[in-house]
PDB file of N, CA and C in Angstrom:
ATOM      1  N   UNK A   1      33.395 -13.041   6.670  1.00  0.00           N
ATOM      2  CA  UNK A   1      32.251 -12.461   7.341  1.00  0.00           C
ATOM      3  C   UNK A   1      32.763 -11.326   8.224  1.00  0.00           C
ATOM      4  N   UNK A   2      32.073 -10.224   8.209  1.00  0.00           N
ATOM      5  CA  UNK A   2      32.539  -9.045   8.906  1.00  0.00           C
ATOM      6  C   UNK A   2      31.699  -8.788  10.161  1.00  0.00           C
ATOM      7  N   UNK A   3      31.959  -9.570  11.217  1.00  0.00           N
ATOM      8  CA  UNK A   3      31.236  -9.447  12.476  1.00  0.00           C
ATOM      9  C   UNK A   3      32.246  -9.025  13.538  1.00  0.00           C
ATOM     10  N   UNK A   4      31.969  -7.953  14.306  1.00  0.00           N
ATOM     11  CA  UNK A   4      32.899  -7.536  15.355  1.00  0.00           C
ATOM     12  C   UNK A   4      33.149  -8.665  16.357  1.00  0.00           C
ATOM     13  N   UNK A   5      34.409  -8.816  16.772  1.00  0.00           N
ATOM     14  CA  UNK A   5      34.801  -9.913  17.670  1.00  0.00           C
ATOM     15  C   UNK A   5      33.980  -9.952  18.954  1.00  0.00           C
ATOM     16  N   UNK A   6      33.575  -8.794  19.465  1.00  0.00           N
ATOM     17  CA  UNK A   6      32.815  -8.782  20.721  1.00  0.00           C
ATOM     18  C   UNK A   6      31.422  -9.392  20.572  1.00  0.00           C
ATOM     19  N   UNK A   7      30.975  -9.607  19.337  1.00  0.00           N
ATOM     20  CA  UNK A   7      29.668 -10.226  19.100  1.00  0.00           C
ATOM     21  C   UNK A   7      29.778 -11.735  18.859  1.00  0.00           C
ATOM     22  N   UNK A   8      30.995 -12.238  18.778  1.00  0.00           N
ATOM     23  CA  UNK A   8      31.202 -13.659  18.486  1.00  0.00           C
ATOM     24  C   UNK A   8      30.836 -14.531  19.676  1.00  0.00           C
ATOM     25  N   UNK A   9      30.293 -15.700  19.392  1.00  0.00           N
ATOM     26  CA  UNK A   9      30.102 -16.718  20.414  1.00  0.00           C
ATOM     27  C   UNK A   9      31.477 -17.276  20.778  1.00  0.00           C
ATOM     28  N   UNK A  10      31.595 -17.815  21.970  1.00  0.00           N
ATOM     29  CA  UNK A  10      32.862 -18.418  22.393  1.00  0.00           C
ATOM     30  C   UNK A  10      33.011 -19.812  21.780  1.00  0.00           C
ATOM     31  N   UNK A  11      34.220 -20.338  21.837  1.00  0.00           N
ATOM     32  CA  UNK A  11      34.458 -21.712  21.375  1.00  0.00           C
ATOM     33  C   UNK A  11      33.549 -22.674  22.141  1.00  0.00           C
ATOM     34  N   UNK A  12      33.391 -22.454  23.453  1.00  0.00           N
ATOM     35  CA  UNK A  12      32.551 -23.332  24.278  1.00  0.00           C
ATOM     36  C   UNK A  12      31.091 -23.275  23.827  1.00  0.00           C
ATOM     37  N   UNK A  13      30.603 -22.087  23.484  1.00  0.00           N
ATOM     38  CA  UNK A  13      29.217 -21.956  23.033  1.00  0.00           C
ATOM     39  C   UNK A  13      29.009 -22.652  21.684  1.00  0.00           C
ATOM     40  N   UNK A  14      29.992 -22.538  20.799  1.00  0.00           N
ATOM     41  CA  UNK A  14      29.913 -23.218  19.502  1.00  0.00           C
ATOM     42  C   UNK A  14      29.901 -24.732  19.721  1.00  0.00           C
ATOM     43  N   UNK A  15      30.796 -25.214  20.569  1.00  0.00           N
ATOM     44  CA  UNK A  15      30.858 -26.647  20.860  1.00  0.00           C
ATOM     45  C   UNK A  15      29.547 -27.138  21.466  1.00  0.00           C
ATOM     46  N   UNK A  16      28.972 -26.358  22.371  1.00  0.00           N
ATOM     47  CA  UNK A  16      27.709 -26.734  23.016  1.00  0.00           C
ATOM     48  C   UNK A  16      26.579 -26.837  21.992  1.00  0.00           C
ATOM     49  N   UNK A  17      26.497 -25.867  21.083  1.00  0.00           N
ATOM     50  CA  UNK A  17      25.447 -25.897  20.049  1.00  0.00           C
ATOM     51  C   UNK A  17      25.568 -27.145  19.176  1.00  0.00           C
ATOM     52  N   UNK A  18      26.792 -27.440  18.732  1.00  0.00           N
ATOM     53  CA  UNK A  18      26.987 -28.588  17.847  1.00  0.00           C
ATOM     54  C   UNK A  18      26.795 -29.911  18.575  1.00  0.00           C
ATOM     55  N   UNK A  19      27.262 -29.997  19.803  1.00  0.00           N
ATOM     56  CA  UNK A  19      27.089 -31.220  20.584  1.00  0.00           C
ATOM     57  C   UNK A  19      25.604 -31.523  20.769  1.00  0.00           C
ATOM     58  N   UNK A  20      24.814 -30.482  20.998  1.00  0.00           N
ATOM     59  CA  UNK A  20      23.363 -30.655  21.154  1.00  0.00           C
ATOM     60  C   UNK A  20      22.708 -31.167  19.872  1.00  0.00           C
ATOM     61  N   UNK A  21      23.374 -30.952  18.726  1.00  0.00           N
ATOM     62  CA  UNK A  21      22.855 -31.419  17.443  1.00  0.00           C
ATOM     63  C   UNK A  21      23.452 -32.763  17.029  1.00  0.00           C
ATOM     64  N   UNK A  22      24.205 -33.401  17.936  1.00  0.00           N
ATOM     65  CA  UNK A  22      24.726 -34.734  17.661  1.00  0.00           C
ATOM     66  C   UNK A  22      26.127 -34.793  17.093  1.00  0.00           C
ATOM     67  N   UNK A  23      26.842 -33.695  17.112  1.00  0.00           N
ATOM     68  CA  UNK A  23      28.219 -33.669  16.607  1.00  0.00           C
ATOM     69  C   UNK A  23      29.194 -34.046  17.723  1.00  0.00           C
ATOM     70  N   UNK A  24      30.220 -34.791  17.368  1.00  0.00           N
ATOM     71  CA  UNK A  24      31.328 -35.092  18.265  1.00  0.00           C
ATOM     72  C   UNK A  24      32.489 -34.212  17.811  1.00  0.00           C
ATOM     73  N   UNK A  25      32.764 -33.154  18.545  1.00  0.00           N
ATOM     74  CA  UNK A  25      33.721 -32.126  18.146  1.00  0.00           C
ATOM     75  C   UNK A  25      35.151 -32.621  18.302  1.00  0.00           C
ATOM     76  N   UNK A  26      35.954 -32.407  17.269  1.00  0.00           N
ATOM     77  CA  UNK A  26      37.381 -32.739  17.293  1.00  0.00           C
ATOM     78  C   UNK A  26      38.243 -31.490  17.427  1.00  0.00           C
ATOM     79  N   UNK A  27      37.870 -30.436  16.677  1.00  0.00           N
ATOM     80  CA  UNK A  27      38.665 -29.214  16.675  1.00  0.00           C
ATOM     81  C   UNK A  27      37.802 -28.057  16.187  1.00  0.00           C
ATOM     82  N   UNK A  28      38.050 -26.871  16.761  1.00  0.00           N
ATOM     83  CA  UNK A  28      37.369 -25.657  16.322  1.00  0.00           C
ATOM     84  C   UNK A  28      38.444 -24.629  15.998  1.00  0.00           C
ATOM     85  N   UNK A  29      38.323 -24.032  14.804  1.00  0.00           N
ATOM     86  CA  UNK A  29      39.262 -22.999  14.369  1.00  0.00           C
ATOM     87  C   UNK A  29      38.477 -21.819  13.812  1.00  0.00           C
ATOM     88  N   UNK A  30      39.170 -20.709  13.647  1.00  0.00           N
ATOM     89  CA  UNK A  30      38.591 -19.552  12.973  1.00  0.00           C
ATOM     90  C   UNK A  30      39.240 -19.453  11.606  1.00  0.00           C
ATOM     91  N   UNK A  31      38.407 -19.353  10.565  1.00  0.00           N
ATOM     92  CA  UNK A  31      38.923 -19.271   9.204  1.00  0.00           C
ATOM     93  C   UNK A  31      38.067 -18.297   8.395  1.00  0.00           C
ATOM     94  N   UNK A  32      38.680 -17.267   7.869  1.00  0.00           N
ATOM     95  CA  UNK A  32      37.977 -16.271   7.049  1.00  0.00           C
ATOM     96  C   UNK A  32      36.738 -15.705   7.737  1.00  0.00           C
ATOM     97  N   UNK A  33      36.830 -15.464   9.040  1.00  0.00           N
ATOM     98  CA  UNK A  33      35.743 -14.818   9.762  1.00  0.00           C
ATOM     99  C   UNK A  33      34.586 -15.706  10.155  1.00  0.00           C
ATOM    100  N   UNK A  34      34.753 -17.022  10.038  1.00  0.00           N
ATOM    101  CA  UNK A  34      33.726 -17.961  10.496  1.00  0.00           C
ATOM    102  C   UNK A  34      34.393 -19.057  11.324  1.00  0.00           C
ATOM    103  N   UNK A  35      33.595 -19.755  12.101  1.00  0.00           N
ATOM    104  CA  UNK A  35      34.114 -20.917  12.821  1.00  0.00           C
ATOM    105  C   UNK A  35      34.138 -22.110  11.879  1.00  0.00           C
ATOM    106  N   UNK A  36      35.268 -22.783  11.832  1.00  0.00           N
ATOM    107  CA  UNK A  36      35.440 -23.999  11.035  1.00  0.00           C
ATOM    108  C   UNK A  36      35.658 -25.132  12.034  1.00  0.00           C
ATOM    109  N   UNK A  37      34.832 -26.142  11.968  1.00  0.00           N
ATOM    110  CA  UNK A  37      34.853 -27.210  12.969  1.00  0.00           C
ATOM    111  C   UNK A  37      35.143 -28.550  12.305  1.00  0.00           C
ATOM    112  N   UNK A  38      36.018 -29.316  12.919  1.00  0.00           N
ATOM    113  CA  UNK A  38      36.226 -30.708  12.516  1.00  0.00           C
ATOM    114  C   UNK A  38      35.446 -31.553  13.510  1.00  0.00           C
ATOM    115  N   UNK A  39      34.583 -32.406  12.999  1.00  0.00           N
ATOM    116  CA  UNK A  39      33.697 -33.175  13.865  1.00  0.00           C
ATOM    117  C   UNK A  39      33.308 -34.493  13.204  1.00  0.00           C
ATOM    118  N   UNK A  40      32.621 -35.319  13.999  1.00  0.00           N
ATOM    119  CA  UNK A  40      32.041 -36.565  13.498  1.00  0.00           C
ATOM    120  C   UNK A  40      30.553 -36.514  13.831  1.00  0.00           C
ATOM    121  N   UNK A  41      29.729 -36.843  12.835  1.00  0.00           N
ATOM    122  CA  UNK A  41      28.283 -36.931  13.057  1.00  0.00           C
ATOM    123  C   UNK A  41      27.765 -38.125  12.284  1.00  0.00           C
ATOM    124  N   UNK A  42      27.012 -38.959  12.962  1.00  0.00           N
ATOM    125  CA  UNK A  42      26.430 -40.158  12.350  1.00  0.00           C
ATOM    126  C   UNK A  42      27.498 -41.018  11.678  1.00  0.00           C
ATOM    127  N   UNK A  43      28.676 -41.087  12.298  1.00  0.00           N
ATOM    128  CA  UNK A  43      29.753 -41.930  11.799  1.00  0.00           C
ATOM    129  C   UNK A  43      30.550 -41.330  10.650  1.00  0.00           C
ATOM    130  N   UNK A  44      30.206 -40.124  10.223  1.00  0.00           N
ATOM    131  CA  UNK A  44      30.923 -39.468   9.119  1.00  0.00           C
ATOM    132  C   UNK A  44      31.738 -38.298   9.647  1.00  0.00           C
ATOM    133  N   UNK A  45      32.934 -38.136   9.080  1.00  0.00           N
ATOM    134  CA  UNK A  45      33.741 -36.959   9.391  1.00  0.00           C
ATOM    135  C   UNK A  45      33.172 -35.790   8.603  1.00  0.00           C
ATOM    136  N   UNK A  46      32.878 -34.705   9.292  1.00  0.00           N
ATOM    137  CA  UNK A  46      32.283 -33.533   8.656  1.00  0.00           C
ATOM    138  C   UNK A  46      33.028 -32.269   9.070  1.00  0.00           C
ATOM    139  N   UNK A  47      32.843 -31.240   8.278  1.00  0.00           N
ATOM    140  CA  UNK A  47      33.452 -29.946   8.565  1.00  0.00           C
ATOM    141  C   UNK A  47      32.387 -28.870   8.373  1.00  0.00           C
ATOM    142  N   UNK A  48      31.626 -28.553   9.443  1.00  0.00           N
ATOM    143  CA  UNK A  48      30.664 -27.464   9.343  1.00  0.00           C
ATOM    144  C   UNK A  48      31.353 -26.104   9.525  1.00  0.00           C
ATOM    145  N   UNK A  49      30.800 -25.104   8.849  1.00  0.00           N
ATOM    146  CA  UNK A  49      31.264 -23.722   8.964  1.00  0.00           C
ATOM    147  C   UNK A  49      30.119 -22.930   9.585  1.00  0.00           C
ATOM    148  N   UNK A  50      30.406 -22.243  10.691  1.00  0.00           N
ATOM    149  CA  UNK A  50      29.343 -21.591  11.455  1.00  0.00           C
ATOM    150  C   UNK A  50      29.492 -20.078  11.500  1.00  0.00           C
ATOM    151  N   UNK A  51      28.338 -19.405  11.476  1.00  0.00           N
ATOM    152  CA  UNK A  51      28.299 -17.956  11.641  1.00  0.00           C
ATOM    153  C   UNK A  51      28.846 -17.637  13.033  1.00  0.00           C
ATOM    154  N   UNK A  52      29.765 -16.692  13.153  1.00  0.00           N
ATOM    155  CA  UNK A  52      30.414 -16.445  14.433  1.00  0.00           C
ATOM    156  C   UNK A  52      29.513 -15.861  15.519  1.00  0.00           C
ATOM    157  N   UNK A  53      28.462 -15.147  15.151  1.00  0.00           N
ATOM    158  CA  UNK A  53      27.603 -14.520  16.148  1.00  0.00           C
ATOM    159  C   UNK A  53      26.360 -15.337  16.480  1.00  0.00           C
ATOM    160  N   UNK A  54      25.899 -16.160  15.535  1.00  0.00           N
ATOM    161  CA  UNK A  54      24.653 -16.902  15.757  1.00  0.00           C
ATOM    162  C   UNK A  54      24.877 -18.401  15.952  1.00  0.00           C
ATOM    163  N   UNK A  55      26.003 -18.911  15.456  1.00  0.00           N
ATOM    164  CA  UNK A  55      26.254 -20.343  15.518  1.00  0.00           C
ATOM    165  C   UNK A  55      25.513 -21.118  14.447  1.00  0.00           C
ATOM    166  N   UNK A  56      24.838 -20.423  13.536  1.00  0.00           N
ATOM    167  CA  UNK A  56      24.119 -21.075  12.441  1.00  0.00           C
ATOM    168  C   UNK A  56      25.118 -21.744  11.495  1.00  0.00           C
ATOM    169  N   UNK A  57      24.809 -22.981  11.085  1.00  0.00           N
ATOM    170  CA  UNK A  57      25.661 -23.669  10.122  1.00  0.00           C
ATOM    171  C   UNK A  57      25.424 -23.041   8.751  1.00  0.00           C
ATOM    172  N   UNK A  58      26.478 -22.468   8.189  1.00  0.00           N
ATOM    173  CA  UNK A  58      26.410 -21.808   6.884  1.00  0.00           C
ATOM    174  C   UNK A  58      26.574 -22.797   5.749  1.00  0.00           C
ATOM    175  N   UNK A  59      27.472 -23.755   5.931  1.00  0.00           N
ATOM    176  CA  UNK A  59      27.670 -24.838   4.975  1.00  0.00           C
ATOM    177  C   UNK A  59      28.394 -25.954   5.704  1.00  0.00           C
ATOM    178  N   UNK A  60      28.397 -27.117   5.101  1.00  0.00           N
ATOM    179  CA  UNK A  60      29.064 -28.274   5.711  1.00  0.00           C
ATOM    180  C   UNK A  60      29.626 -29.153   4.633  1.00  0.00           C
ATOM    181  N   UNK A  61      30.860 -29.571   4.851  1.00  0.00           N
ATOM    182  CA  UNK A  61      31.517 -30.498   3.920  1.00  0.00           C
ATOM    183  C   UNK A  61      31.662 -31.842   4.607  1.00  0.00           C
ATOM    184  N   UNK A  62      31.529 -32.899   3.826  1.00  0.00           N
ATOM    185  CA  UNK A  62      31.805 -34.246   4.323  1.00  0.00           C
ATOM    186  C   UNK A  62      33.252 -34.553   3.987  1.00  0.00           C
ATOM    187  N   UNK A  63      33.978 -35.044   4.978  1.00  0.00           N
ATOM    188  CA  UNK A  63      35.403 -35.319   4.805  1.00  0.00           C
ATOM    189  C   UNK A  63      35.602 -36.816   4.701  1.00  0.00           C
ATOM    190  N   UNK A  64      36.643 -37.205   3.993  1.00  0.00           N
ATOM    191  CA  UNK A  64      36.964 -38.634   3.836  1.00  0.00           C
ATOM    192  C   UNK A  64      38.169 -38.983   4.646  1.00  0.00           C
TER     193      UNK A  64
END
Protein backbone atom coordinates (compact mmCIF):
# COMPACT_ATOMS: atom_id res chain seq x y z
CA UNK A 1 0.00 0.00 0.00
CA UNK A 2 1.42 3.35 -0.97
CA UNK A 3 0.41 5.74 1.83
CA UNK A 4 2.82 8.49 2.98
CA UNK A 5 4.17 7.76 6.49
CA UNK A 6 2.90 11.09 7.84
CA UNK A 7 -0.67 9.91 7.16
CA UNK A 8 -0.26 6.64 9.09
CA UNK A 9 -2.01 6.03 12.38
CA UNK A 10 0.31 5.32 15.30
CA UNK A 11 0.78 1.88 16.83
CA UNK A 12 -1.23 3.14 19.84
CA UNK A 13 -4.12 4.25 17.62
CA UNK A 14 -4.17 0.88 15.84
CA UNK A 15 -4.13 -0.94 19.18
CA UNK A 16 -6.95 1.28 20.50
CA UNK A 17 -9.15 0.59 17.44
CA UNK A 18 -8.67 -3.17 17.69
CA UNK A 19 -9.08 -3.30 21.46
CA UNK A 20 -12.40 -1.48 21.09
CA UNK A 21 -13.47 -4.28 18.71
CA UNK A 22 -12.63 -7.02 21.23
CA UNK A 23 -9.10 -7.93 20.16
CA UNK A 24 -6.39 -8.74 22.70
CA UNK A 25 -3.26 -7.39 20.98
CA UNK A 26 -0.04 -9.41 21.17
CA UNK A 27 2.15 -7.67 18.59
CA UNK A 28 1.91 -5.01 15.88
CA UNK A 29 4.30 -4.92 12.92
CA UNK A 30 4.52 -3.18 9.57
CA UNK A 31 4.56 -5.51 6.57
CA UNK A 32 4.32 -4.51 2.90
CA UNK A 33 2.88 -1.09 3.76
CA UNK A 34 0.11 -2.28 6.10
CA UNK A 35 -0.15 -2.99 9.80
CA UNK A 36 0.04 -6.70 10.58
CA UNK A 37 -1.26 -7.56 14.04
CA UNK A 38 -1.01 -10.73 16.11
CA UNK A 39 -4.00 -10.89 18.41
CA UNK A 40 -6.60 -13.07 20.12
CA UNK A 41 -10.33 -12.55 19.57
CA UNK A 42 -13.10 -14.77 20.89
CA UNK A 43 -10.50 -17.32 22.00
CA UNK A 44 -8.93 -17.64 18.53
CA UNK A 45 -5.50 -16.48 17.46
CA UNK A 46 -5.96 -14.11 14.53
CA UNK A 47 -3.81 -11.95 12.30
CA UNK A 48 -5.67 -8.90 10.96
CA UNK A 49 -4.05 -6.66 8.34
CA UNK A 50 -5.02 -3.00 8.63
CA UNK A 51 -4.94 -0.01 6.32
CA UNK A 52 -2.22 2.27 7.71
CA UNK A 53 -4.17 5.54 7.44
CA UNK A 54 -7.71 4.43 8.32
CA UNK A 55 -7.20 1.38 10.54
CA UNK A 56 -9.75 -0.52 8.43
CA UNK A 57 -9.26 -4.30 8.52
CA UNK A 58 -8.32 -5.28 4.96
CA UNK A 59 -8.18 -9.02 5.61
CA UNK A 60 -7.78 -11.37 8.54
CA UNK A 61 -6.27 -14.80 8.90
CA UNK A 62 -7.04 -17.28 11.65
CA UNK A 63 -3.88 -18.74 13.13
CA UNK A 64 -3.45 -22.16 14.71
